[in-house]
Amino acid sequence: MAIKYELSAITGTYTNREGEEKKSYVRCGVVMETKKGGLVAKLEALPVNFDGWLFMNEPKPKDAPKEEAAPGKKTGGKFDDMADDIPF
């Protein structure tokens, strides 16, 4: 089944560096197309403050560049990012 849409919900608001108030979202699942052309939704998570509304957005390409983490933020490094030398 091919993913047609991503499902997301608003979880709150935040203020960006320019002082603008923005909404924060969490990905809750996906909508996929079946072999017969129908659509099916798979929910993977729901936020605690869920108000019942889910937004369907076209999925982002997997090869799209991700935002770089701000200084001090964890980046979720992988084993390939680790130094080759073991310090002990």
Protein backbone atom coordinates (compact mmCIF):
# COMPACT_ATOMS: atom_id res chain seq x y z
CA MET A 1 0.00 0.00 0.00
CA ALA A 2 1.28 3.41 -0.94
CA ILE A 3 1.21 6.25 1.58
CA LYS A 4 -0.98 9.06 0.21
CA TYR A 5 -1.16 11.40 3.22
CA GLU A 6 0.35 11.93 6.65
CA LEU A 7 -2.04 12.55 9.55
CA SER A 8 -1.05 15.21 12.08
CA ALA A 9 -2.66 16.98 15.02
CA ILE A 10 -2.00 20.36 16.63
CA THR A 11 -0.43 19.91 20.06
CA GLY A 12 0.02 23.53 21.11
CA THR A 13 1.74 26.76 20.18
CA TYR A 14 5.23 28.22 20.46
CA THR A 15 6.97 31.50 19.67
CA ASN A 16 9.75 31.41 17.07
CA ARG A 17 12.90 33.56 17.03
CA GLU A 18 11.11 36.35 15.13
CA GLY A 19 8.46 36.55 17.87
CA GLU A 20 5.72 34.97 15.76
CA GLU A 21 3.35 32.51 17.40
CA LYS A 22 3.28 29.19 15.53
CA LYS A 23 1.38 25.94 16.00
CA SER A 24 3.25 22.75 16.83
CA TYR A 25 2.15 19.48 15.26
CA VAL A 26 2.71 15.79 15.92
CA ARG A 27 2.50 13.07 13.26
CA CYS A 28 -0.28 10.69 14.27
CA GLY A 29 -0.39 8.23 11.36
CA VAL A 30 -0.82 7.80 7.64
CA VAL A 31 -3.51 7.33 4.98
CA MET A 32 -2.72 4.60 2.44
CA GLU A 33 -4.31 3.53 -0.81
CA THR A 34 -5.53 -0.08 -1.02
CA LYS A 35 -5.17 -2.40 -4.00
CA LYS A 36 -8.79 -1.68 -4.97
CA GLY A 37 -8.29 2.09 -4.90
CA GLY A 38 -9.86 2.77 -1.51
CA LEU A 39 -8.24 4.68 1.33
CA VAL A 40 -7.38 3.34 4.78
CA ALA A 41 -6.06 5.27 7.80
CA LYS A 42 -3.53 3.85 10.27
CA LEU A 43 -3.32 5.73 13.56
CA GLU A 44 0.03 5.36 15.30
CA ALA A 45 -0.28 7.94 18.09
CA LEU A 46 -2.64 10.54 19.53
CA PRO A 47 -1.56 13.48 21.68
CA VAL A 48 -2.89 13.76 25.23
CA ASN A 49 -4.68 17.05 24.45
CA PHE A 50 -6.27 15.66 21.25
CA ASP A 51 -9.33 17.68 20.16
CA GLY A 52 -10.54 15.22 17.51
CA TRP A 53 -9.13 17.00 14.44
CA LEU A 54 -6.47 15.44 12.22
CA PHE A 55 -4.86 17.18 9.26
CA MET A 56 -4.07 15.25 6.07
CA ASN A 57 -0.91 16.52 4.40
CA GLU A 58 1.01 15.14 1.47
CA PRO A 59 4.00 13.17 2.76
CA LYS A 60 7.37 14.87 2.77
CA PRO A 61 9.99 13.28 0.51
CA LYS A 62 12.36 10.99 2.41
CA ASP A 63 15.42 12.47 0.69
CA ALA A 64 14.53 16.07 1.59
CA PRO A 65 17.18 17.80 3.73
CA LYS A 66 16.23 18.02 7.39
CA GLU A 67 16.59 21.16 9.46
CA GLU A 68 19.85 21.35 11.32
CA ALA A 69 19.50 21.25 15.07
CA ALA A 70 20.09 24.45 16.97
CA PRO A 71 23.19 24.55 19.20
CA GLY A 72 22.57 22.59 22.37
CA LYS A 73 19.86 20.41 20.83
CA LYS A 74 20.26 16.65 20.58
CA THR A 75 20.56 15.51 16.99
CA GLY A 76 19.83 11.80 17.47
CA GLY A 77 23.23 10.72 16.19
CA LYS A 78 23.83 7.32 14.70
CA PHE A 79 26.69 4.86 14.99
CA ASP A 80 28.20 6.22 11.78
CA ASP A 81 28.54 9.64 13.45
CA MET A 82 30.63 8.27 16.31
CA ALA A 83 34.38 8.66 16.51
CA ASP A 84 36.42 5.69 15.32
CA ASP A 85 38.73 5.69 18.36
CA ILE A 86 37.55 4.12 21.59
CA PRO A 87 38.82 6.20 24.55
CA PHE A 88 39.55 3.19 26.80
